[in-house]
mmCIF file of all heavy atoms, coordinates in Angstrom:
data_MODEL
# 
_entry.id   MODEL 
# 
loop_
_atom_site.group_PDB 
_atom_site.id 
_atom_site.type_symbol 
_atom_site.label_atom_id 
_atom_site.label_alt_id 
_atom_site.label_comp_id 
_atom_site.label_asym_id 
_atom_site.label_entity_id 
_atom_site.label_seq_id 
_atom_site.pdbx_PDB_ins_code 
_atom_site.Cartn_x 
_atom_site.Cartn_y 
_atom_site.Cartn_z 
_atom_site.occupancy 
_atom_site.B_iso_or_equiv 
_atom_site.pdbx_formal_charge 
_atom_site.auth_seq_id 
_atom_site.auth_comp_id 
_atom_site.auth_asym_id 
_atom_site.auth_atom_id 
_atom_site.pdbx_PDB_model_num 
ATOM 1   N N   . THR A 1 1  ? -17.992 49.869 52.823 1.00 0.00 ? 1  THR A N   1 
ATOM 2   C CA  . THR A 1 1  ? -17.427 50.324 51.549 1.00 0.00 ? 1  THR A CA  1 
ATOM 3   C C   . THR A 1 1  ? -15.913 50.126 51.516 1.00 0.00 ? 1  THR A C   1 
ATOM 4   O O   . THR A 1 1  ? -15.344 49.626 50.547 1.00 0.00 ? 1  THR A O   1 
ATOM 5   C CB  . THR A 1 1  ? -17.752 51.807 51.295 1.00 0.00 ? 1  THR A CB  1 
ATOM 6   O OG1 . THR A 1 1  ? -19.174 51.967 51.244 1.00 0.00 ? 1  THR A OG1 1 
ATOM 7   C CG2 . THR A 1 1  ? -17.137 52.298 49.997 1.00 0.00 ? 1  THR A CG2 1 
ATOM 8   N N   . GLU A 1 2  ? -15.258 50.531 52.595 1.00 0.00 ? 2  GLU A N   1 
ATOM 9   C CA  . GLU A 1 2  ? -13.795 50.438 52.685 1.00 0.00 ? 2  GLU A CA  1 
ATOM 10  C C   . GLU A 1 2  ? -13.304 49.042 53.036 1.00 0.00 ? 2  GLU A C   1 
ATOM 11  O O   . GLU A 1 2  ? -12.139 48.717 52.830 1.00 0.00 ? 2  GLU A O   1 
ATOM 12  C CB  . GLU A 1 2  ? -13.296 51.424 53.741 1.00 0.00 ? 2  GLU A CB  1 
ATOM 13  C CG  . GLU A 1 2  ? -13.510 52.889 53.398 1.00 0.00 ? 2  GLU A CG  1 
ATOM 14  C CD  . GLU A 1 2  ? -12.635 53.329 52.247 1.00 0.00 ? 2  GLU A CD  1 
ATOM 15  O OE1 . GLU A 1 2  ? -11.405 53.190 52.341 1.00 0.00 ? 2  GLU A OE1 1 
ATOM 16  O OE2 . GLU A 1 2  ? -13.202 53.825 51.245 1.00 0.00 ? 2  GLU A OE2 1 
ATOM 17  N N   . GLN A 1 3  ? -14.204 48.218 53.581 1.00 0.00 ? 3  GLN A N   1 
ATOM 18  C CA  . GLN A 1 3  ? -13.827 46.901 54.109 1.00 0.00 ? 3  GLN A CA  1 
ATOM 19  C C   . GLN A 1 3  ? -12.716 47.026 55.154 1.00 0.00 ? 3  GLN A C   1 
ATOM 20  O O   . GLN A 1 3  ? -11.777 46.234 55.202 1.00 0.00 ? 3  GLN A O   1 
ATOM 21  C CB  . GLN A 1 3  ? -13.412 45.972 53.004 1.00 0.00 ? 3  GLN A CB  1 
ATOM 22  C CG  . GLN A 1 3  ? -14.591 45.386 52.210 1.00 0.00 ? 3  GLN A CG  1 
ATOM 23  C CD  . GLN A 1 3  ? -15.525 44.565 53.051 1.00 0.00 ? 3  GLN A CD  1 
ATOM 24  O OE1 . GLN A 1 3  ? -15.163 43.439 53.511 1.00 0.00 ? 3  GLN A OE1 1 
ATOM 25  N NE2 . GLN A 1 3  ? -16.727 45.067 53.329 1.00 0.00 ? 3  GLN A NE2 1 
ATOM 26  N N   . LYS A 1 4  ? -12.853 48.067 56.001 1.00 0.00 ? 4  LYS A N   1 
ATOM 27  C CA  . LYS A 1 4  ? -11.896 48.332 57.060 1.00 0.00 ? 4  LYS A CA  1 
ATOM 28  C C   . LYS A 1 4  ? -12.688 48.583 58.352 1.00 0.00 ? 4  LYS A C   1 
ATOM 29  O O   . LYS A 1 4  ? -13.847 49.023 58.318 1.00 0.00 ? 4  LYS A O   1 
ATOM 30  C CB  . LYS A 1 4  ? -11.043 49.564 56.757 1.00 0.00 ? 4  LYS A CB  1 
ATOM 31  C CG  . LYS A 1 4  ? -10.224 49.480 55.499 1.00 0.00 ? 4  LYS A CG  1 
ATOM 32  C CD  . LYS A 1 4  ? -9.031  48.556 55.658 1.00 0.00 ? 4  LYS A CD  1 
ATOM 33  C CE  . LYS A 1 4  ? -8.030  48.709 54.517 1.00 0.00 ? 4  LYS A CE  1 
ATOM 34  N NZ  . LYS A 1 4  ? -8.603  48.449 53.195 1.00 0.00 ? 4  LYS A NZ  1 
ATOM 35  N N   . PHE A 1 5  ? -12.060 48.355 59.498 1.00 0.00 ? 5  PHE A N   1 
ATOM 36  C CA  . PHE A 1 5  ? -12.681 48.663 60.774 1.00 0.00 ? 5  PHE A CA  1 
ATOM 37  C C   . PHE A 1 5  ? -11.619 49.110 61.763 1.00 0.00 ? 5  PHE A C   1 
ATOM 38  O O   . PHE A 1 5  ? -10.412 48.956 61.514 1.00 0.00 ? 5  PHE A O   1 
ATOM 39  C CB  . PHE A 1 5  ? -13.464 47.458 61.314 1.00 0.00 ? 5  PHE A CB  1 
ATOM 40  C CG  . PHE A 1 5  ? -12.604 46.304 61.785 1.00 0.00 ? 5  PHE A CG  1 
ATOM 41  C CD1 . PHE A 1 5  ? -12.451 46.025 63.126 1.00 0.00 ? 5  PHE A CD1 1 
ATOM 42  C CD2 . PHE A 1 5  ? -11.960 45.457 60.862 1.00 0.00 ? 5  PHE A CD2 1 
ATOM 43  C CE1 . PHE A 1 5  ? -11.691 44.962 63.562 1.00 0.00 ? 5  PHE A CE1 1 
ATOM 44  C CE2 . PHE A 1 5  ? -11.185 44.405 61.293 1.00 0.00 ? 5  PHE A CE2 1 
ATOM 45  C CZ  . PHE A 1 5  ? -11.058 44.153 62.652 1.00 0.00 ? 5  PHE A CZ  1 
ATOM 46  N N   . VAL A 1 6  ? -12.078 49.676 62.862 1.00 0.00 ? 6  VAL A N   1 
ATOM 47  C CA  . VAL A 1 6  ? -11.181 50.263 63.852 1.00 0.00 ? 6  VAL A CA  1 
ATOM 48  C C   . VAL A 1 6  ? -11.121 49.387 65.103 1.00 0.00 ? 6  VAL A C   1 
ATOM 49  O O   . VAL A 1 6  ? -12.154 48.956 65.624 1.00 0.00 ? 6  VAL A O   1 
ATOM 50  C CB  . VAL A 1 6  ? -11.642 51.699 64.235 1.00 0.00 ? 6  VAL A CB  1 
ATOM 51  C CG1 . VAL A 1 6  ? -10.785 52.236 65.380 1.00 0.00 ? 6  VAL A CG1 1 
ATOM 52  C CG2 . VAL A 1 6  ? -11.584 52.616 63.016 1.00 0.00 ? 6  VAL A CG2 1 
ATOM 53  N N   . ILE A 1 7  ? -9.911  49.153 65.568 1.00 0.00 ? 7  ILE A N   1 
ATOM 54  C CA  . ILE A 1 7  ? -9.686  48.416 66.821 1.00 0.00 ? 7  ILE A CA  1 
ATOM 55  C C   . ILE A 1 7  ? -9.088  49.414 67.810 1.00 0.00 ? 7  ILE A C   1 
ATOM 56  O O   . ILE A 1 7  ? -8.098  50.067 67.492 1.00 0.00 ? 7  ILE A O   1 
ATOM 57  C CB  . ILE A 1 7  ? -8.693  47.257 66.606 1.00 0.00 ? 7  ILE A CB  1 
ATOM 58  C CG1 . ILE A 1 7  ? -9.167  46.350 65.451 1.00 0.00 ? 7  ILE A CG1 1 
ATOM 59  C CG2 . ILE A 1 7  ? -8.568  46.427 67.889 1.00 0.00 ? 7  ILE A CG2 1 
ATOM 60  C CD1 . ILE A 1 7  ? -8.113  45.364 64.987 1.00 0.00 ? 7  ILE A CD1 1 
ATOM 61  N N   . GLU A 1 8  ? -9.686  49.526 68.979 1.00 0.00 ? 8  GLU A N   1 
ATOM 62  C CA  . GLU A 1 8  ? -9.196  50.501 69.939 1.00 0.00 ? 8  GLU A CA  1 
ATOM 63  C C   . GLU A 1 8  ? -8.944  49.895 71.309 1.00 0.00 ? 8  GLU A C   1 
ATOM 64  O O   . GLU A 1 8  ? -9.802  49.163 71.843 1.00 0.00 ? 8  GLU A O   1 
ATOM 65  C CB  . GLU A 1 8  ? -10.179 51.669 70.089 1.00 0.00 ? 8  GLU A CB  1 
ATOM 66  C CG  . GLU A 1 8  ? -9.713  52.723 71.088 1.00 0.00 ? 8  GLU A CG  1 
ATOM 67  C CD  . GLU A 1 8  ? -10.588 53.960 71.112 1.00 0.00 ? 8  GLU A CD  1 
ATOM 68  O OE1 . GLU A 1 8  ? -11.534 54.053 70.331 1.00 0.00 ? 8  GLU A OE1 1 
ATOM 69  O OE2 . GLU A 1 8  ? -10.315 54.829 71.964 1.00 0.00 ? 8  GLU A OE2 1 
ATOM 70  N N   . GLY A 1 9  ? -7.789  50.147 71.873 1.00 0.00 ? 9  GLY A N   1 
ATOM 71  C CA  . GLY A 1 9  ? -7.463  49.660 73.208 1.00 0.00 ? 9  GLY A CA  1 
ATOM 72  C C   . GLY A 1 9  ? -6.275  48.715 73.183 1.00 0.00 ? 9  GLY A C   1 
ATOM 73  O O   . GLY A 1 9  ? -6.060  47.978 72.214 1.00 0.00 ? 9  GLY A O   1 
ATOM 74  N N   . LEU A 1 10 ? -5.502  48.716 74.255 1.00 0.00 ? 10 LEU A N   1 
ATOM 75  C CA  . LEU A 1 10 ? -4.292  47.909 74.318 1.00 0.00 ? 10 LEU A CA  1 
ATOM 76  C C   . LEU A 1 10 ? -4.566  46.427 74.215 1.00 0.00 ? 10 LEU A C   1 
ATOM 77  O O   . LEU A 1 10 ? -3.972  45.716 73.385 1.00 0.00 ? 10 LEU A O   1 
ATOM 78  C CB  . LEU A 1 10 ? -3.548  48.214 75.637 1.00 0.00 ? 10 LEU A CB  1 
ATOM 79  C CG  . LEU A 1 10 ? -2.313  47.372 75.956 1.00 0.00 ? 10 LEU A CG  1 
ATOM 80  C CD1 . LEU A 1 10 ? -1.276  47.530 74.853 1.00 0.00 ? 10 LEU A CD1 1 
ATOM 81  C CD2 . LEU A 1 10 ? -1.726  47.783 77.316 1.00 0.00 ? 10 LEU A CD2 1 
ATOM 82  N N   . ARG A 1 11 ? -5.474  45.948 75.026 1.00 0.00 ? 11 ARG A N   1 
ATOM 83  C CA  . ARG A 1 11 ? -5.724  44.503 75.073 1.00 0.00 ? 11 ARG A CA  1 
ATOM 84  C C   . ARG A 1 11 ? -6.274  43.972 73.757 1.00 0.00 ? 11 ARG A C   1 
ATOM 85  O O   . ARG A 1 11 ? -5.798  42.945 73.244 1.00 0.00 ? 11 ARG A O   1 
ATOM 86  C CB  . ARG A 1 11 ? -6.712  44.167 76.212 1.00 0.00 ? 11 ARG A CB  1 
ATOM 87  C CG  . ARG A 1 11 ? -7.040  42.704 76.315 1.00 0.00 ? 11 ARG A CG  1 
ATOM 88  C CD  . ARG A 1 11 ? -7.987  42.419 77.465 1.00 0.00 ? 11 ARG A CD  1 
ATOM 89  N NE  . ARG A 1 11 ? -8.413  41.044 77.486 1.00 0.00 ? 11 ARG A NE  1 
ATOM 90  C CZ  . ARG A 1 11 ? -9.258  40.534 78.391 1.00 0.00 ? 11 ARG A CZ  1 
ATOM 91  N NH1 . ARG A 1 11 ? -9.742  41.313 79.338 1.00 0.00 ? 11 ARG A NH1 1 
ATOM 92  N NH2 . ARG A 1 11 ? -9.607  39.263 78.344 1.00 0.00 ? 11 ARG A NH2 1 
ATOM 93  N N   . ILE A 1 12 ? -7.242  44.684 73.187 1.00 0.00 ? 12 ILE A N   1 
ATOM 94  C CA  . ILE A 1 12 ? -7.868  44.171 71.979 1.00 0.00 ? 12 ILE A CA  1 
ATOM 95  C C   . ILE A 1 12 ? -6.923  44.285 70.782 1.00 0.00 ? 12 ILE A C   1 
ATOM 96  O O   . ILE A 1 12 ? -6.916  43.440 69.866 1.00 0.00 ? 12 ILE A O   1 
ATOM 97  C CB  . ILE A 1 12 ? -9.215  44.859 71.707 1.00 0.00 ? 12 ILE A CB  1 
ATOM 98  C CG1 . ILE A 1 12 ? -9.980  44.097 70.615 1.00 0.00 ? 12 ILE A CG1 1 
ATOM 99  C CG2 . ILE A 1 12 ? -9.012  46.311 71.286 1.00 0.00 ? 12 ILE A CG2 1 
ATOM 100 C CD1 . ILE A 1 12 ? -11.417 44.577 70.470 1.00 0.00 ? 12 ILE A CD1 1 
ATOM 101 N N   . CYS A 1 13 ? -6.042  45.296 70.775 1.00 0.00 ? 13 CYS A N   1 
ATOM 102 C CA  . CYS A 1 13 ? -5.051  45.417 69.696 1.00 0.00 ? 13 CYS A CA  1 
ATOM 103 C C   . CYS A 1 13 ? -4.026  44.281 69.781 1.00 0.00 ? 13 CYS A C   1 
ATOM 104 O O   . CYS A 1 13 ? -3.653  43.683 68.762 1.00 0.00 ? 13 CYS A O   1 
ATOM 105 C CB  . CYS A 1 13 ? -4.362  46.756 69.751 1.00 0.00 ? 13 CYS A CB  1 
ATOM 106 S SG  . CYS A 1 13 ? -5.336  48.135 69.076 1.00 0.00 ? 13 CYS A SG  1 
ATOM 107 N N   . LEU A 1 14 ? -3.594  43.948 71.001 1.00 0.00 ? 14 LEU A N   1 
ATOM 108 C CA  . LEU A 1 14 ? -2.685  42.821 71.194 1.00 0.00 ? 14 LEU A CA  1 
ATOM 109 C C   . LEU A 1 14 ? -3.371  41.509 70.771 1.00 0.00 ? 14 LEU A C   1 
ATOM 110 O O   . LEU A 1 14 ? -2.757  40.664 70.099 1.00 0.00 ? 14 LEU A O   1 
ATOM 111 C CB  . LEU A 1 14 ? -2.263  42.725 72.654 1.00 0.00 ? 14 LEU A CB  1 
ATOM 112 C CG  . LEU A 1 14 ? -1.226  43.744 73.141 1.00 0.00 ? 14 LEU A CG  1 
ATOM 113 C CD1 . LEU A 1 14 ? -1.080  43.679 74.662 1.00 0.00 ? 14 LEU A CD1 1 
ATOM 114 C CD2 . LEU A 1 14 ? 0.128   43.529 72.472 1.00 0.00 ? 14 LEU A CD2 1 
ATOM 115 N N   . ASP A 1 15 ? -4.614  41.360 71.135 1.00 0.00 ? 15 ASP A N   1 
ATOM 116 C CA  . ASP A 1 15 ? -5.383  40.175 70.794 1.00 0.00 ? 15 ASP A CA  1 
ATOM 117 C C   . ASP A 1 15 ? -5.502  40.044 69.269 1.00 0.00 ? 15 ASP A C   1 
ATOM 118 O O   . ASP A 1 15 ? -5.348  38.959 68.725 1.00 0.00 ? 15 ASP A O   1 
ATOM 119 C CB  . ASP A 1 15 ? -6.779  40.243 71.428 1.00 0.00 ? 15 ASP A CB  1 
ATOM 120 C CG  . ASP A 1 15 ? -7.425  38.885 71.578 1.00 0.00 ? 15 ASP A CG  1 
ATOM 121 O OD1 . ASP A 1 15 ? -6.683  37.892 71.665 1.00 0.00 ? 15 ASP A OD1 1 
ATOM 122 O OD2 . ASP A 1 15 ? -8.666  38.817 71.625 1.00 0.00 ? 15 ASP A OD2 1 
ATOM 123 N N   . ALA A 1 16 ? -5.805  41.164 68.604 1.00 0.00 ? 16 ALA A N   1 
ATOM 124 C CA  . ALA A 1 16 ? -5.938  41.143 67.148 1.00 0.00 ? 16 ALA A CA  1 
ATOM 125 C C   . ALA A 1 16 ? -4.622  40.730 66.506 1.00 0.00 ? 16 ALA A C   1 
ATOM 126 O O   . ALA A 1 16 ? -4.590  39.912 65.570 1.00 0.00 ? 16 ALA A O   1 
ATOM 127 C CB  . ALA A 1 16 ? -6.344  42.533 66.664 1.00 0.00 ? 16 ALA A CB  1 
ATOM 128 N N   . MET A 1 17 ? -3.524  41.269 66.968 1.00 0.00 ? 17 MET A N   1 
ATOM 129 C CA  . MET A 1 17 ? -2.227  40.957 66.395 1.00 0.00 ? 17 MET A CA  1 
ATOM 130 C C   . MET A 1 17 ? -1.873  39.467 66.598 1.00 0.00 ? 17 MET A C   1 
ATOM 131 O O   . MET A 1 17 ? -1.343  38.813 65.698 1.00 0.00 ? 17 MET A O   1 
ATOM 132 C CB  . MET A 1 17 ? -1.165  41.840 67.044 1.00 0.00 ? 17 MET A CB  1 
ATOM 133 C CG  . MET A 1 17 ? 0.097   41.974 66.227 1.00 0.00 ? 17 MET A CG  1 
ATOM 134 S SD  . MET A 1 17 ? 1.226   43.139 67.010 1.00 0.00 ? 17 MET A SD  1 
ATOM 135 C CE  . MET A 1 17 ? 1.493   42.365 68.590 1.00 0.00 ? 17 MET A CE  1 
ATOM 136 N N   . GLN A 1 18 ? -2.204  38.952 67.780 1.00 0.00 ? 18 GLN A N   1 
ATOM 137 C CA  . GLN A 1 18 ? -1.946  37.551 68.064 1.00 0.00 ? 18 GLN A CA  1 
ATOM 138 C C   . GLN A 1 18 ? -2.794  36.620 67.195 1.00 0.00 ? 18 GLN A C   1 
ATOM 139 O O   . GLN A 1 18 ? -2.456  35.449 67.006 1.00 0.00 ? 18 GLN A O   1 
ATOM 140 C CB  . GLN A 1 18 ? -2.178  37.257 69.540 1.00 0.00 ? 18 GLN A CB  1 
ATOM 141 C CG  . GLN A 1 18 ? -1.116  37.881 70.450 1.00 0.00 ? 18 GLN A CG  1 
ATOM 142 C CD  . GLN A 1 18 ? -1.525  37.888 71.914 1.00 0.00 ? 18 GLN A CD  1 
ATOM 143 O OE1 . GLN A 1 18 ? -2.585  37.406 72.292 1.00 0.00 ? 18 GLN A OE1 1 
ATOM 144 N NE2 . GLN A 1 18 ? -0.672  38.478 72.751 1.00 0.00 ? 18 GLN A NE2 1 
ATOM 145 N N   . ASN A 1 19 ? -3.913  37.176 66.689 1.00 0.00 ? 19 ASN A N   1 
ATOM 146 C CA  . ASN A 1 19 ? -4.762  36.412 65.780 1.00 0.00 ? 19 ASN A CA  1 
ATOM 147 C C   . ASN A 1 19 ? -4.454  36.734 64.317 1.00 0.00 ? 19 ASN A C   1 
ATOM 148 O O   . ASN A 1 19 ? -5.274  36.553 63.438 1.00 0.00 ? 19 ASN A O   1 
ATOM 149 C CB  . ASN A 1 19 ? -6.245  36.704 66.084 1.00 0.00 ? 19 ASN A CB  1 
ATOM 150 C CG  . ASN A 1 19 ? -6.739  35.950 67.288 1.00 0.00 ? 19 ASN A CG  1 
ATOM 151 O OD1 . ASN A 1 19 ? -7.098  34.775 67.207 1.00 0.00 ? 19 ASN A OD1 1 
ATOM 152 N ND2 . ASN A 1 19 ? -6.733  36.613 68.442 1.00 0.00 ? 19 ASN A ND2 1 
ATOM 153 N N   . HIS A 1 20 ? -3.230  37.217 64.096 1.00 0.00 ? 20 HIS A N   1 
ATOM 154 C CA  . HIS A 1 20 ? -2.672  37.413 62.757 1.00 0.00 ? 20 HIS A CA  1 
ATOM 155 C C   . HIS A 1 20 ? -3.443  38.470 61.930 1.00 0.00 ? 20 HIS A C   1 
ATOM 156 O O   . HIS A 1 20 ? -3.552  38.355 60.723 1.00 0.00 ? 20 HIS A O   1 
ATOM 157 C CB  . HIS A 1 20 ? -2.623  36.099 61.979 1.00 0.00 ? 20 HIS A CB  1 
ATOM 158 C CG  . HIS A 1 20 ? -1.971  34.983 62.753 1.00 0.00 ? 20 HIS A CG  1 
ATOM 159 N ND1 . HIS A 1 20 ? -0.624  34.974 63.091 1.00 0.00 ? 20 HIS A ND1 1 
ATOM 160 C CD2 . HIS A 1 20 ? -2.498  33.852 63.310 1.00 0.00 ? 20 HIS A CD2 1 
ATOM 161 C CE1 . HIS A 1 20 ? -0.361  33.897 63.790 1.00 0.00 ? 20 HIS A CE1 1 
ATOM 162 N NE2 . HIS A 1 20 ? -1.474  33.189 63.939 1.00 0.00 ? 20 HIS A NE2 1 
ATOM 163 N N   . ILE A 1 21 ? -3.968  39.484 62.628 1.00 0.00 ? 21 ILE A N   1 
ATOM 164 C CA  . ILE A 1 21 ? -4.606  40.597 61.958 1.00 0.00 ? 21 ILE A CA  1 
ATOM 165 C C   . ILE A 1 21 ? -3.585  41.697 61.786 1.00 0.00 ? 21 ILE A C   1 
ATOM 166 O O   . ILE A 1 21 ? -3.038  42.210 62.766 1.00 0.00 ? 21 ILE A O   1 
ATOM 167 C CB  . ILE A 1 21 ? -5.828  41.102 62.730 1.00 0.00 ? 21 ILE A CB  1 
ATOM 168 C CG1 . ILE A 1 21 ? -6.922  40.014 62.776 1.00 0.00 ? 21 ILE A CG1 1 
ATOM 169 C CG2 . ILE A 1 21 ? -6.385  42.390 62.142 1.00 0.00 ? 21 ILE A CG2 1 
ATOM 170 C CD1 . ILE A 1 21 ? -8.116  40.379 63.627 1.00 0.00 ? 21 ILE A CD1 1 
ATOM 171 N N   . SER A 1 22 ? -3.282  42.051 60.552 1.00 0.00 ? 22 SER A N   1 
ATOM 172 C CA  . SER A 1 22 ? -2.314  43.119 60.254 1.00 0.00 ? 22 SER A CA  1 
ATOM 173 C C   . SER A 1 22 ? -3.008  44.458 60.259 1.00 0.00 ? 22 SER A C   1 
ATOM 174 O O   . SER A 1 22 ? -4.177  44.581 59.864 1.00 0.00 ? 22 SER A O   1 
ATOM 175 C CB  . SER A 1 22 ? -1.653  42.884 58.898 1.00 0.00 ? 22 SER A CB  1 
ATOM 176 O OG  . SER A 1 22 ? -0.903  41.668 58.909 1.00 0.00 ? 22 SER A OG  1 
ATOM 177 N N   . PHE A 1 23 ? -2.313  45.468 60.703 1.00 0.00 ? 23 PHE A N   1 
ATOM 178 C CA  . PHE A 1 23 ? -2.882  46.818 60.775 1.00 0.00 ? 23 PHE A CA  1 
ATOM 179 C C   . PHE A 1 23 ? -2.488  47.635 59.557 1.00 0.00 ? 23 PHE A C   1 
ATOM 180 O O   . PHE A 1 23 ? -1.335  47.626 59.123 1.00 0.00 ? 23 PHE A O   1 
ATOM 181 C CB  . PHE A 1 23 ? -2.403  47.525 62.037 1.00 0.00 ? 23 PHE A CB  1 
ATOM 182 C CG  . PHE A 1 23 ? -2.732  46.794 63.326 1.00 0.00 ? 23 PHE A CG  1 
ATOM 183 C CD1 . PHE A 1 23 ? -1.956  47.008 64.455 1.00 0.00 ? 23 PHE A CD1 1 
ATOM 184 C CD2 . PHE A 1 23 ? -3.781  45.908 63.405 1.00 0.00 ? 23 PHE A CD2 1 
ATOM 185 C CE1 . PHE A 1 23 ? -2.245  46.362 65.665 1.00 0.00 ? 23 PHE A CE1 1 
ATOM 186 C CE2 . PHE A 1 23 ? -4.104  45.251 64.585 1.00 0.00 ? 23 PHE A CE2 1 
ATOM 187 C CZ  . PHE A 1 23 ? -3.324  45.478 65.703 1.00 0.00 ? 23 PHE A CZ  1 
ATOM 188 N N   . GLU A 1 24 ? -3.456  48.325 59.008 1.00 0.00 ? 24 GLU A N   1 
ATOM 189 C CA  . GLU A 1 24 ? -3.190  49.246 57.910 1.00 0.00 ? 24 GLU A CA  1 
ATOM 190 C C   . GLU A 1 24 ? -2.609  50.542 58.439 1.00 0.00 ? 24 GLU A C   1 
ATOM 191 O O   . GLU A 1 24 ? -1.655  51.090 57.877 1.00 0.00 ? 24 GLU A O   1 
ATOM 192 C CB  . GLU A 1 24 ? -4.494  49.542 57.141 1.00 0.00 ? 24 GLU A CB  1 
ATOM 193 C CG  . GLU A 1 24 ? -5.083  48.356 56.391 1.00 0.00 ? 24 GLU A CG  1 
ATOM 194 C CD  . GLU A 1 24 ? -4.232  48.006 55.166 1.00 0.00 ? 24 GLU A CD  1 
ATOM 195 O OE1 . GLU A 1 24 ? -3.832  48.927 54.431 1.00 0.00 ? 24 GLU A OE1 1 
ATOM 196 O OE2 . GLU A 1 24 ? -3.985  46.795 54.983 1.00 0.00 ? 24 GLU A OE2 1 
ATOM 197 N N   . VAL A 1 25 ? -3.204  51.046 59.514 1.00 0.00 ? 25 VAL A N   1 
ATOM 198 C CA  . VAL A 1 25 ? -2.780  52.289 60.152 1.00 0.00 ? 25 VAL A CA  1 
ATOM 199 C C   . VAL A 1 25 ? -2.815  52.087 61.663 1.00 0.00 ? 25 VAL A C   1 
ATOM 200 O O   . VAL A 1 25 ? -3.760  51.480 62.195 1.00 0.00 ? 25 VAL A O   1 
ATOM 201 C CB  . VAL A 1 25 ? -3.703  53.471 59.771 1.00 0.00 ? 25 VAL A CB  1 
ATOM 202 C CG1 . VAL A 1 25 ? -3.204  54.757 60.411 1.00 0.00 ? 25 VAL A CG1 1 
ATOM 203 C CG2 . VAL A 1 25 ? -3.822  53.635 58.259 1.00 0.00 ? 25 VAL A CG2 1 
# 
């Protein structure tokens, strides 16, 4: 419904950011 998901953990958050995923919160 929200079209949002949660990323948890140092490595995966860094990986997400390097793949140009912006964080809402």
